All heavy atoms as atom14 arrays in JSON, in Angstrom:
{
  "sequence": "EIEKRGTGIATARYYYYILRDFFKAAQKCWEETWDNDRYMVTNSVNI",
  "atom14_mask": [
    [1, 1, 1, 1, 1, 1, 1, 1, 1, 0, 0, 0, 0, 0],
    [1, 1, 1, 1, 1, 1, 1, 1, 0, 0, 0, 0, 0, 0],
    [1, 1, 1, 1, 1, 1, 1, 1, 1, 0, 0, 0, 0, 0],
    [1, 1, 1, 1, 1, 1, 1, 1, 1, 0, 0, 0, 0, 0],
    [1, 1, 1, 1, 1, 1, 1, 1, 1, 1, 1, 0, 0, 0],
    [1, 1, 1, 1, 0, 0, 0, 0, 0, 0, 0, 0, 0, 0],
    [1, 1, 1, 1, 1, 1, 1, 0, 0, 0, 0, 0, 0, 0],
    [1, 1, 1, 1, 0, 0, 0, 0, 0, 0, 0, 0, 0, 0],
    [1, 1, 1, 1, 1, 1, 1, 1, 0, 0, 0, 0, 0, 0],
    [1, 1, 1, 1, 1, 0, 0, 0, 0, 0, 0, 0, 0, 0],
    [1, 1, 1, 1, 1, 1, 1, 0, 0, 0, 0, 0, 0, 0],
    [1, 1, 1, 1, 1, 0, 0, 0, 0, 0, 0, 0, 0, 0],
    [1, 1, 1, 1, 1, 1, 1, 1, 1, 1, 1, 0, 0, 0],
    [1, 1, 1, 1, 1, 1, 1, 1, 1, 1, 1, 1, 0, 0],
    [1, 1, 1, 1, 1, 1, 1, 1, 1, 1, 1, 1, 0, 0],
    [1, 1, 1, 1, 1, 1, 1, 1, 1, 1, 1, 1, 0, 0],
    [1, 1, 1, 1, 1, 1, 1, 1, 1, 1, 1, 1, 0, 0],
    [1, 1, 1, 1, 1, 1, 1, 1, 0, 0, 0, 0, 0, 0],
    [1, 1, 1, 1, 1, 1, 1, 1, 0, 0, 0, 0, 0, 0],
    [1, 1, 1, 1, 1, 1, 1, 1, 1, 1, 1, 0, 0, 0],
    [1, 1, 1, 1, 1, 1, 1, 1, 0, 0, 0, 0, 0, 0],
    [1, 1, 1, 1, 1, 1, 1, 1, 1, 1, 1, 0, 0, 0],
    [1, 1, 1, 1, 1, 1, 1, 1, 1, 1, 1, 0, 0, 0],
    [1, 1, 1, 1, 1, 1, 1, 1, 1, 0, 0, 0, 0, 0],
    [1, 1, 1, 1, 1, 0, 0, 0, 0, 0, 0, 0, 0, 0],
    [1, 1, 1, 1, 1, 0, 0, 0, 0, 0, 0, 0, 0, 0],
    [1, 1, 1, 1, 1, 1, 1, 1, 1, 0, 0, 0, 0, 0],
    [1, 1, 1, 1, 1, 1, 1, 1, 1, 0, 0, 0, 0, 0],
    [1, 1, 1, 1, 1, 1, 0, 0, 0, 0, 0, 0, 0, 0],
    [1, 1, 1, 1, 1, 1, 1, 1, 1, 1, 1, 1, 1, 1],
    [1, 1, 1, 1, 1, 1, 1, 1, 1, 0, 0, 0, 0, 0],
    [1, 1, 1, 1, 1, 1, 1, 1, 1, 0, 0, 0, 0, 0],
    [1, 1, 1, 1, 1, 1, 1, 0, 0, 0, 0, 0, 0, 0],
    [1, 1, 1, 1, 1, 1, 1, 1, 1, 1, 1, 1, 1, 1],
    [1, 1, 1, 1, 1, 1, 1, 1, 0, 0, 0, 0, 0, 0],
    [1, 1, 1, 1, 1, 1, 1, 1, 0, 0, 0, 0, 0, 0],
    [1, 1, 1, 1, 1, 1, 1, 1, 0, 0, 0, 0, 0, 0],
    [1, 1, 1, 1, 1, 1, 1, 1, 1, 1, 1, 0, 0, 0],
    [1, 1, 1, 1, 1, 1, 1, 1, 1, 1, 1, 1, 0, 0],
    [1, 1, 1, 1, 1, 1, 1, 1, 0, 0, 0, 0, 0, 0],
    [1, 1, 1, 1, 1, 1, 1, 0, 0, 0, 0, 0, 0, 0],
    [1, 1, 1, 1, 1, 1, 1, 0, 0, 0, 0, 0, 0, 0],
    [1, 1, 1, 1, 1, 1, 1, 1, 0, 0, 0, 0, 0, 0],
    [1, 1, 1, 1, 1, 1, 0, 0, 0, 0, 0, 0, 0, 0],
    [1, 1, 1, 1, 1, 1, 1, 0, 0, 0, 0, 0, 0, 0],
    [1, 1, 1, 1, 1, 1, 1, 1, 0, 0, 0, 0, 0, 0],
    [1, 1, 1, 1, 1, 1, 1, 1, 0, 0, 0, 0, 0, 0]
  ],
  "atom14_positions": [
    [[-3.41, 23.93, 16.59], [-2.73, 25.16, 16.19], [-3.64, 26.17, 15.5], [-3.45, 27.36, 15.59], [-1.6, 24.75, 15.22], [-0.43, 23.97, 15.88], [0.18, 24.69, 17.11], [0.43, 25.88, 16.96], [0.47, 24.06, 18.12], [0.0, 0.0, 0.0], [0.0, 0.0, 0.0], [0.0, 0.0, 0.0], [0.0, 0.0, 0.0], [0.0, 0.0, 0.0]],
    [[-4.57, 25.58, 14.69], [-5.52, 26.5, 14.08], [-6.39, 27.24, 15.09], [-6.61, 28.41, 14.79], [-6.36, 25.62, 12.99], [-5.58, 25.15, 11.88], [-7.58, 26.53, 12.51], [-6.23, 24.18, 11.0], [0.0, 0.0, 0.0], [0.0, 0.0, 0.0], [0.0, 0.0, 0.0], [0.0, 0.0, 0.0], [0.0, 0.0, 0.0], [0.0, 0.0, 0.0]],
    [[-6.8, 26.62, 16.12], [-7.6, 27.24, 17.11], [-6.91, 28.43, 17.79], [-7.41, 29.46, 18.02], [-8.2, 26.35, 18.09], [-9.26, 25.38, 17.59], [-9.76, 24.51, 18.72], [-9.02, 23.87, 19.4], [-11.07, 24.39, 18.8], [0.0, 0.0, 0.0], [0.0, 0.0, 0.0], [0.0, 0.0, 0.0], [0.0, 0.0, 0.0], [0.0, 0.0, 0.0]],
    [[-5.54, 28.22, 17.94], [-4.72, 29.29, 18.55], [-4.59, 30.49, 17.55], [-4.65, 31.6, 17.94], [-3.41, 28.75, 18.83], [-3.29, 27.66, 19.94], [-1.91, 27.25, 20.14], [-1.92, 26.11, 21.21], [-0.44, 25.45, 21.28], [0.0, 0.0, 0.0], [0.0, 0.0, 0.0], [0.0, 0.0, 0.0], [0.0, 0.0, 0.0], [0.0, 0.0, 0.0]],
    [[-4.49, 30.09, 16.27], [-4.32, 31.12, 15.17], [-5.68, 31.88, 14.92], [-5.67, 33.06, 14.62], [-3.71, 30.49, 14.0], [-3.62, 31.42, 12.77], [-3.09, 30.55, 11.51], [-1.71, 30.06, 11.8], [-0.76, 30.77, 11.47], [-0.81, 32.0, 10.94], [0.46, 30.23, 11.63], [0.0, 0.0, 0.0], [0.0, 0.0, 0.0], [0.0, 0.0, 0.0]],
    [[-6.75, 31.06, 15.04], [-8.1, 31.6, 14.72], [-8.59, 31.0, 13.49], [-7.86, 30.44, 12.6], [0.0, 0.0, 0.0], [0.0, 0.0, 0.0], [0.0, 0.0, 0.0], [0.0, 0.0, 0.0], [0.0, 0.0, 0.0], [0.0, 0.0, 0.0], [0.0, 0.0, 0.0], [0.0, 0.0, 0.0], [0.0, 0.0, 0.0], [0.0, 0.0, 0.0]],
    [[-9.91, 30.81, 13.39], [-10.53, 30.01, 12.31], [-11.15, 30.99, 11.3], [-12.0, 30.44, 10.41], [-11.57, 29.1, 12.9], [-12.6, 29.88, 13.5], [-10.95, 28.05, 13.85], [0.0, 0.0, 0.0], [0.0, 0.0, 0.0], [0.0, 0.0, 0.0], [0.0, 0.0, 0.0], [0.0, 0.0, 0.0], [0.0, 0.0, 0.0], [0.0, 0.0, 0.0]],
    [[-10.66, 32.17, 11.19], [-11.37, 33.16, 10.16], [-10.63, 33.07, 8.86], [-9.82, 32.22, 8.52], [0.0, 0.0, 0.0], [0.0, 0.0, 0.0], [0.0, 0.0, 0.0], [0.0, 0.0, 0.0], [0.0, 0.0, 0.0], [0.0, 0.0, 0.0], [0.0, 0.0, 0.0], [0.0, 0.0, 0.0], [0.0, 0.0, 0.0], [0.0, 0.0, 0.0]],
    [[-11.04, 34.08, 8.03], [-10.5, 34.1, 6.67], [-9.07, 34.23, 6.47], [-8.49, 33.79, 5.56], [-11.33, 35.25, 5.85], [-11.03, 35.06, 4.28], [-10.82, 36.56, 6.36], [-11.66, 33.88, 3.71], [0.0, 0.0, 0.0], [0.0, 0.0, 0.0], [0.0, 0.0, 0.0], [0.0, 0.0, 0.0], [0.0, 0.0, 0.0], [0.0, 0.0, 0.0]],
    [[-8.49, 34.92, 7.51], [-7.02, 35.09, 7.48], [-6.27, 33.78, 7.53], [-5.3, 33.56, 6.86], [-6.55, 35.94, 8.66], [0.0, 0.0, 0.0], [0.0, 0.0, 0.0], [0.0, 0.0, 0.0], [0.0, 0.0, 0.0], [0.0, 0.0, 0.0], [0.0, 0.0, 0.0], [0.0, 0.0, 0.0], [0.0, 0.0, 0.0], [0.0, 0.0, 0.0]],
    [[-6.74, 32.84, 8.39], [-6.27, 31.52, 8.47], [-6.37, 30.68, 7.24], [-5.49, 30.07, 6.76], [-6.79, 30.73, 9.63], [-6.49, 31.39, 10.84], [-6.23, 29.33, 9.78], [0.0, 0.0, 0.0], [0.0, 0.0, 0.0], [0.0, 0.0, 0.0], [0.0, 0.0, 0.0], [0.0, 0.0, 0.0], [0.0, 0.0, 0.0], [0.0, 0.0, 0.0]],
    [[-7.58, 30.86, 6.66], [-7.84, 30.25, 5.28], [-6.91, 30.62, 4.28], [-6.31, 29.92, 3.49], [-9.27, 30.46, 4.88], [0.0, 0.0, 0.0], [0.0, 0.0, 0.0], [0.0, 0.0, 0.0], [0.0, 0.0, 0.0], [0.0, 0.0, 0.0], [0.0, 0.0, 0.0], [0.0, 0.0, 0.0], [0.0, 0.0, 0.0], [0.0, 0.0, 0.0]],
    [[-6.57, 31.96, 4.29], [-5.68, 32.63, 3.22], [-4.17, 32.06, 3.58], [-3.44, 31.84, 2.65], [-5.74, 34.06, 3.3], [-5.14, 34.7, 2.05], [-5.64, 36.09, 1.85], [-7.04, 36.03, 1.34], [-7.19, 35.79, 0.04], [-6.3, 35.51, -0.82], [-8.57, 35.73, -0.46], [0.0, 0.0, 0.0], [0.0, 0.0, 0.0], [0.0, 0.0, 0.0]],
    [[-3.9, 31.86, 4.87], [-2.69, 31.38, 5.28], [-2.32, 30.01, 4.66], [-1.24, 29.68, 4.03], [-2.48, 31.34, 6.76], [-1.32, 30.57, 7.32], [-0.04, 31.22, 7.4], [-1.47, 29.29, 7.86], [1.03, 30.46, 7.95], [-0.42, 28.68, 8.4], [0.85, 29.22, 8.46], [1.9, 28.53, 8.92], [0.0, 0.0, 0.0], [0.0, 0.0, 0.0]],
    [[-3.3, 29.1, 4.78], [-3.15, 27.78, 4.28], [-3.22, 27.82, 2.77], [-2.6, 26.97, 2.09], [-4.23, 26.81, 4.85], [-3.78, 26.36, 6.24], [-4.27, 26.95, 7.41], [-2.83, 25.33, 6.38], [-3.97, 26.58, 8.58], [-2.58, 24.82, 7.68], [-3.07, 25.46, 8.82], [-2.68, 25.07, 10.0], [0.0, 0.0, 0.0], [0.0, 0.0, 0.0]],
    [[-4.08, 28.63, 2.19], [-4.15, 28.73, 0.76], [-2.74, 29.12, 0.19], [-2.26, 28.54, -0.86], [-5.15, 29.88, 0.31], [-4.96, 30.31, -1.09], [-5.18, 29.38, -2.17], [-4.41, 31.51, -1.37], [-5.02, 29.71, -3.53], [-4.28, 31.9, -2.79], [-4.47, 31.02, -3.78], [-4.32, 31.35, -5.11], [0.0, 0.0, 0.0], [0.0, 0.0, 0.0]],
    [[-2.1, 30.05, 0.81], [-0.68, 30.57, 0.33], [0.25, 29.29, 0.37], [1.06, 29.21, -0.56], [-0.16, 31.58, 1.04], [-0.92, 33.06, 0.92], [-1.07, 33.94, 2.0], [-1.46, 33.33, -0.49], [-1.67, 35.09, 1.65], [-2.1, 34.52, -0.59], [-2.2, 35.4, 0.48], [-2.91, 36.48, 0.2], [0.0, 0.0, 0.0], [0.0, 0.0, 0.0]],
    [[0.14, 28.52, 1.38], [1.09, 27.33, 1.49], [0.81, 26.51, 0.28], [1.8, 25.97, -0.38], [0.83, 26.67, 2.87], [1.28, 27.52, 4.0], [1.61, 25.35, 2.88], [1.04, 26.99, 5.37], [0.0, 0.0, 0.0], [0.0, 0.0, 0.0], [0.0, 0.0, 0.0], [0.0, 0.0, 0.0], [0.0, 0.0, 0.0], [0.0, 0.0, 0.0]],
    [[-0.46, 26.05, 0.08], [-0.78, 25.12, -0.94], [-0.48, 25.85, -2.4], [0.09, 25.08, -3.21], [-2.24, 24.8, -0.9], [-2.64, 23.72, 0.06], [-4.13, 23.8, 0.43], [-2.19, 22.43, -0.47], [0.0, 0.0, 0.0], [0.0, 0.0, 0.0], [0.0, 0.0, 0.0], [0.0, 0.0, 0.0], [0.0, 0.0, 0.0], [0.0, 0.0, 0.0]],
    [[-0.75, 27.07, -2.44], [-0.42, 27.69, -3.79], [1.06, 27.62, -4.1], [1.38, 27.25, -5.16], [-0.87, 29.22, -3.64], [-0.48, 30.04, -4.89], [-0.42, 31.52, -4.55], [0.66, 31.85, -3.56], [0.77, 33.04, -3.12], [0.01, 34.07, -3.31], [1.87, 33.18, -2.27], [0.0, 0.0, 0.0], [0.0, 0.0, 0.0], [0.0, 0.0, 0.0]],
    [[1.94, 27.97, -3.2], [3.34, 27.97, -3.36], [3.85, 26.53, -3.64], [4.77, 26.3, -4.4], [4.05, 28.67, -2.27], [3.81, 30.15, -2.09], [3.23, 30.7, -3.21], [4.02, 30.67, -1.15], [0.0, 0.0, 0.0], [0.0, 0.0, 0.0], [0.0, 0.0, 0.0], [0.0, 0.0, 0.0], [0.0, 0.0, 0.0], [0.0, 0.0, 0.0]],
    [[3.29, 25.54, -2.82], [3.71, 24.19, -3.02], [3.39, 23.73, -4.42], [4.3, 23.1, -5.05], [2.98, 23.34, -1.99], [3.38, 21.91, -2.03], [4.46, 21.44, -1.41], [2.63, 20.92, -2.76], [4.83, 20.08, -1.39], [2.99, 19.69, -2.85], [4.08, 19.2, -2.19], [0.0, 0.0, 0.0], [0.0, 0.0, 0.0], [0.0, 0.0, 0.0]],
    [[2.18, 23.95, -4.87], [1.84, 23.51, -6.26], [2.63, 24.29, -7.43], [2.85, 23.75, -8.43], [0.33, 23.57, -6.46], [-0.34, 22.39, -5.93], [-1.09, 22.53, -4.71], [-0.24, 21.04, -6.52], [-1.72, 21.36, -4.17], [-0.88, 20.01, -5.9], [-1.59, 20.17, -4.81], [0.0, 0.0, 0.0], [0.0, 0.0, 0.0], [0.0, 0.0, 0.0]],
    [[2.96, 25.56, -7.06], [3.75, 26.28, -8.05], [5.14, 25.63, -8.2], [5.72, 25.5, -9.23], [3.9, 27.77, -7.66], [2.66, 28.61, -7.94], [2.93, 30.04, -7.65], [1.71, 30.86, -8.1], [1.9, 32.32, -7.79], [0.0, 0.0, 0.0], [0.0, 0.0, 0.0], [0.0, 0.0, 0.0], [0.0, 0.0, 0.0], [0.0, 0.0, 0.0]],
    [[5.72, 25.2, -6.93], [7.03, 24.53, -7.04], [6.91, 23.2, -7.75], [7.67, 22.76, -8.43], [7.45, 24.35, -5.56], [0.0, 0.0, 0.0], [0.0, 0.0, 0.0], [0.0, 0.0, 0.0], [0.0, 0.0, 0.0], [0.0, 0.0, 0.0], [0.0, 0.0, 0.0], [0.0, 0.0, 0.0], [0.0, 0.0, 0.0], [0.0, 0.0, 0.0]],
    [[5.81, 22.46, -7.42], [5.64, 21.13, -8.03], [5.45, 21.36, -9.46], [6.01, 20.46, -10.3], [4.36, 20.55, -7.36], [0.0, 0.0, 0.0], [0.0, 0.0, 0.0], [0.0, 0.0, 0.0], [0.0, 0.0, 0.0], [0.0, 0.0, 0.0], [0.0, 0.0, 0.0], [0.0, 0.0, 0.0], [0.0, 0.0, 0.0], [0.0, 0.0, 0.0]],
    [[4.75, 22.31, -9.99], [4.57, 22.56, -11.41], [6.04, 22.76, -12.09], [6.19, 22.23, -13.28], [3.73, 23.75, -11.61], [3.42, 23.99, -13.16], [2.4, 25.2, -13.36], [2.04, 25.89, -12.35], [2.1, 25.47, -14.54], [0.0, 0.0, 0.0], [0.0, 0.0, 0.0], [0.0, 0.0, 0.0], [0.0, 0.0, 0.0], [0.0, 0.0, 0.0]],
    [[6.86, 23.48, -11.45], [8.2, 23.77, -12.04], [9.02, 22.43, -11.98], [9.74, 22.19, -12.93], [8.89, 24.79, -11.23], [8.36, 26.13, -11.28], [9.09, 27.19, -10.43], [8.55, 28.63, -10.62], [8.77, 29.2, -11.85], [0.0, 0.0, 0.0], [0.0, 0.0, 0.0], [0.0, 0.0, 0.0], [0.0, 0.0, 0.0], [0.0, 0.0, 0.0]],
    [[8.82, 21.58, -10.94], [9.58, 20.33, -10.87], [9.11, 19.4, -11.87], [9.96, 18.71, -12.48], [9.35, 19.84, -9.41], [9.98, 18.15, -9.24], [0.0, 0.0, 0.0], [0.0, 0.0, 0.0], [0.0, 0.0, 0.0], [0.0, 0.0, 0.0], [0.0, 0.0, 0.0], [0.0, 0.0, 0.0], [0.0, 0.0, 0.0], [0.0, 0.0, 0.0]],
    [[7.89, 19.16, -12.09], [7.25, 18.24, -13.01], [7.51, 18.55, -14.48], [7.34, 17.67, -15.28], [5.83, 17.93, -12.64], [5.58, 17.11, -11.37], [5.02, 17.59, -10.24], [5.89, 15.78, -11.1], [4.96, 16.63, -9.29], [5.47, 15.44, -9.81], [6.44, 14.72, -11.83], [5.63, 14.16, -9.19], [6.64, 13.45, -11.18], [6.25, 13.22, -9.88]],
    [[7.73, 19.83, -14.71], [7.95, 20.3, -16.02], [7.03, 19.87, -17.13], [5.84, 20.06, -16.88], [9.51, 19.8, -16.42], [10.58, 20.42, -15.49], [11.87, 19.88, -15.87], [11.95, 18.76, -16.33], [12.94, 20.66, -15.65], [0.0, 0.0, 0.0], [0.0, 0.0, 0.0], [0.0, 0.0, 0.0], [0.0, 0.0, 0.0], [0.0, 0.0, 0.0]],
    [[7.39, 19.13, -18.09], [6.52, 18.89, -19.23], [5.43, 17.85, -18.93], [4.36, 17.69, -19.6], [7.3, 18.37, -20.48], [7.78, 16.96, -20.43], [9.03, 16.75, -19.45], [9.56, 17.73, -19.05], [9.37, 15.57, -19.34], [0.0, 0.0, 0.0], [0.0, 0.0, 0.0], [0.0, 0.0, 0.0], [0.0, 0.0, 0.0], [0.0, 0.0, 0.0]],
    [[5.54, 17.11, -17.76], [4.58, 16.13, -17.46], [3.39, 16.74, -16.65], [2.43, 16.07, -16.54], [5.22, 15.08, -16.59], [5.7, 15.66, -15.32], [6.4, 14.38, -17.16], [0.0, 0.0, 0.0], [0.0, 0.0, 0.0], [0.0, 0.0, 0.0], [0.0, 0.0, 0.0], [0.0, 0.0, 0.0], [0.0, 0.0, 0.0], [0.0, 0.0, 0.0]],
    [[3.5, 18.06, -16.25], [2.45, 18.69, -15.6], [1.29, 19.09, -16.57], [1.5, 19.59, -17.7], [2.94, 20.01, -14.97], [2.02, 20.76, -14.13], [1.27, 21.88, -14.47], [1.7, 20.57, -12.7], [0.46, 22.18, -13.42], [0.82, 21.42, -12.3], [2.3, 19.54, -11.78], [0.3, 21.62, -11.0], [1.83, 19.74, -10.46], [0.86, 20.6, -10.11]],
    [[0.0, 18.71, -16.21], [-1.13, 18.86, -17.03], [-0.94, 18.3, -18.38], [-1.29, 18.88, -19.39], [-1.41, 20.3, -17.15], [-2.79, 20.65, -17.69], [-3.67, 19.76, -17.5], [-3.02, 21.76, -18.24], [0.0, 0.0, 0.0], [0.0, 0.0, 0.0], [0.0, 0.0, 0.0], [0.0, 0.0, 0.0], [0.0, 0.0, 0.0], [0.0, 0.0, 0.0]],
    [[-0.36, 17.08, -18.43], [-0.07, 16.39, -19.72], [-1.01, 15.16, -19.68], [-0.87, 14.29, -18.74], [1.34, 16.02, -19.81], [1.74, 15.35, -21.09], [0.94, 14.67, -21.72], [2.96, 15.73, -21.56], [0.0, 0.0, 0.0], [0.0, 0.0, 0.0], [0.0, 0.0, 0.0], [0.0, 0.0, 0.0], [0.0, 0.0, 0.0], [0.0, 0.0, 0.0]],
    [[-1.74, 15.04, -20.71], [-2.79, 13.8, -20.74], [-2.04, 12.52, -20.7], [-2.7, 11.49, -20.48], [-3.64, 14.03, -21.94], [-4.67, 15.11, -21.83], [-4.94, 15.5, -20.76], [-5.14, 15.55, -22.87], [0.0, 0.0, 0.0], [0.0, 0.0, 0.0], [0.0, 0.0, 0.0], [0.0, 0.0, 0.0], [0.0, 0.0, 0.0], [0.0, 0.0, 0.0]],
    [[-0.76, 12.44, -21.1], [-0.16, 11.16, -21.15], [0.49, 10.75, -19.79], [1.04, 9.68, -19.72], [1.02, 11.29, -22.22], [0.49, 11.35, -23.63], [1.54, 11.38, -24.73], [2.38, 12.5, -24.69], [3.67, 12.52, -24.29], [4.32, 11.35, -23.98], [4.37, 13.58, -24.28], [0.0, 0.0, 0.0], [0.0, 0.0, 0.0], [0.0, 0.0, 0.0]],
    [[0.39, 11.72, -18.9], [0.87, 11.37, -17.5], [-0.19, 11.6, -16.42], [-1.21, 12.27, -16.73], [2.1, 12.33, -17.19], [3.26, 12.02, -18.05], [3.34, 12.62, -19.32], [4.31, 11.2, -17.61], [4.56, 12.39, -20.14], [5.45, 10.96, -18.4], [5.53, 11.59, -19.7], [6.65, 11.33, -20.43], [0.0, 0.0, 0.0], [0.0, 0.0, 0.0]],
    [[0.07, 11.03, -15.2], [-0.89, 11.05, -14.25], [-0.47, 12.09, -13.13], [-0.94, 11.97, -11.95], [-1.06, 9.62, -13.51], [-1.43, 8.65, -14.53], [-3.26, 8.74, -15.04], [-4.02, 8.03, -13.58], [0.0, 0.0, 0.0], [0.0, 0.0, 0.0], [0.0, 0.0, 0.0], [0.0, 0.0, 0.0], [0.0, 0.0, 0.0], [0.0, 0.0, 0.0]],
    [[0.37, 13.01, -13.42], [0.9, 13.91, -12.57], [-0.23, 14.88, -11.93], [-0.17, 15.14, -10.76], [2.08, 14.73, -13.12], [2.43, 15.89, -12.22], [3.21, 13.83, -13.38], [0.0, 0.0, 0.0], [0.0, 0.0, 0.0], [0.0, 0.0, 0.0], [0.0, 0.0, 0.0], [0.0, 0.0, 0.0], [0.0, 0.0, 0.0], [0.0, 0.0, 0.0]],
    [[-1.05, 15.31, -12.66], [-2.17, 16.13, -12.24], [-3.54, 15.46, -12.1], [-4.52, 16.0, -12.13], [-2.31, 17.37, -13.09], [-2.35, 17.04, -14.44], [-1.28, 18.36, -12.82], [0.0, 0.0, 0.0], [0.0, 0.0, 0.0], [0.0, 0.0, 0.0], [0.0, 0.0, 0.0], [0.0, 0.0, 0.0], [0.0, 0.0, 0.0], [0.0, 0.0, 0.0]],
    [[-3.45, 14.02, -12.01], [-4.55, 13.26, -11.7], [-4.88, 13.39, -10.19], [-4.04, 13.73, -9.5], [-4.17, 11.76, -12.08], [-5.33, 10.79, -11.67], [-5.48, 10.39, -10.62], [-6.23, 10.53, -12.65], [0.0, 0.0, 0.0], [0.0, 0.0, 0.0], [0.0, 0.0, 0.0], [0.0, 0.0, 0.0], [0.0, 0.0, 0.0], [0.0, 0.0, 0.0]],
    [[-6.17, 13.17, -9.88], [-6.63, 13.38, -8.49], [-5.81, 12.61, -7.51], [-5.64, 12.99, -6.4], [-8.13, 13.03, -8.43], [-8.36, 11.64, -8.75], [0.0, 0.0, 0.0], [0.0, 0.0, 0.0], [0.0, 0.0, 0.0], [0.0, 0.0, 0.0], [0.0, 0.0, 0.0], [0.0, 0.0, 0.0], [0.0, 0.0, 0.0], [0.0, 0.0, 0.0]],
    [[-5.43, 11.33, -7.91], [-4.65, 10.5, -7.02], [-3.27, 11.24, -6.6], [-2.94, 11.27, -5.37], [-4.28, 9.15, -7.64], [-3.45, 8.31, -6.69], [-5.64, 8.41, -7.86], [0.0, 0.0, 0.0], [0.0, 0.0, 0.0], [0.0, 0.0, 0.0], [0.0, 0.0, 0.0], [0.0, 0.0, 0.0], [0.0, 0.0, 0.0], [0.0, 0.0, 0.0]],
    [[-2.68, 11.77, -7.5], [-1.38, 12.4, -7.19], [-1.62, 13.84, -6.57], [-0.8, 14.21, -5.66], [-0.48, 12.6, -8.52], [0.98, 12.82, -8.19], [1.46, 12.32, -7.16], [1.55, 13.73, -8.93], [0.0, 0.0, 0.0], [0.0, 0.0, 0.0], [0.0, 0.0, 0.0], [0.0, 0.0, 0.0], [0.0, 0.0, 0.0], [0.0, 0.0, 0.0]],
    [[-2.71, 14.47, -6.92], [-2.95, 15.68, -6.35], [-3.15, 15.52, -4.83], [-2.59, 16.26, -4.02], [-4.21, 16.38, -6.93], [-3.96, 16.86, -8.39], [-4.73, 17.55, -6.08], [-3.13, 18.14, -8.55], [0.0, 0.0, 0.0], [0.0, 0.0, 0.0], [0.0, 0.0, 0.0], [0.0, 0.0, 0.0], [0.0, 0.0, 0.0], [0.0, 0.0, 0.0]]
  ]
}
């Protein structure tokens, strides 16, 4: 699908926006556990 869309910067930005919005939604969902040292929510494994 990427080859059909093109492999330039526009495609990179397209996927960046998807990840950006997904993690913004996740941040709202995880609430106080997000970026909290007592939780593993933003640990590399869960990311």
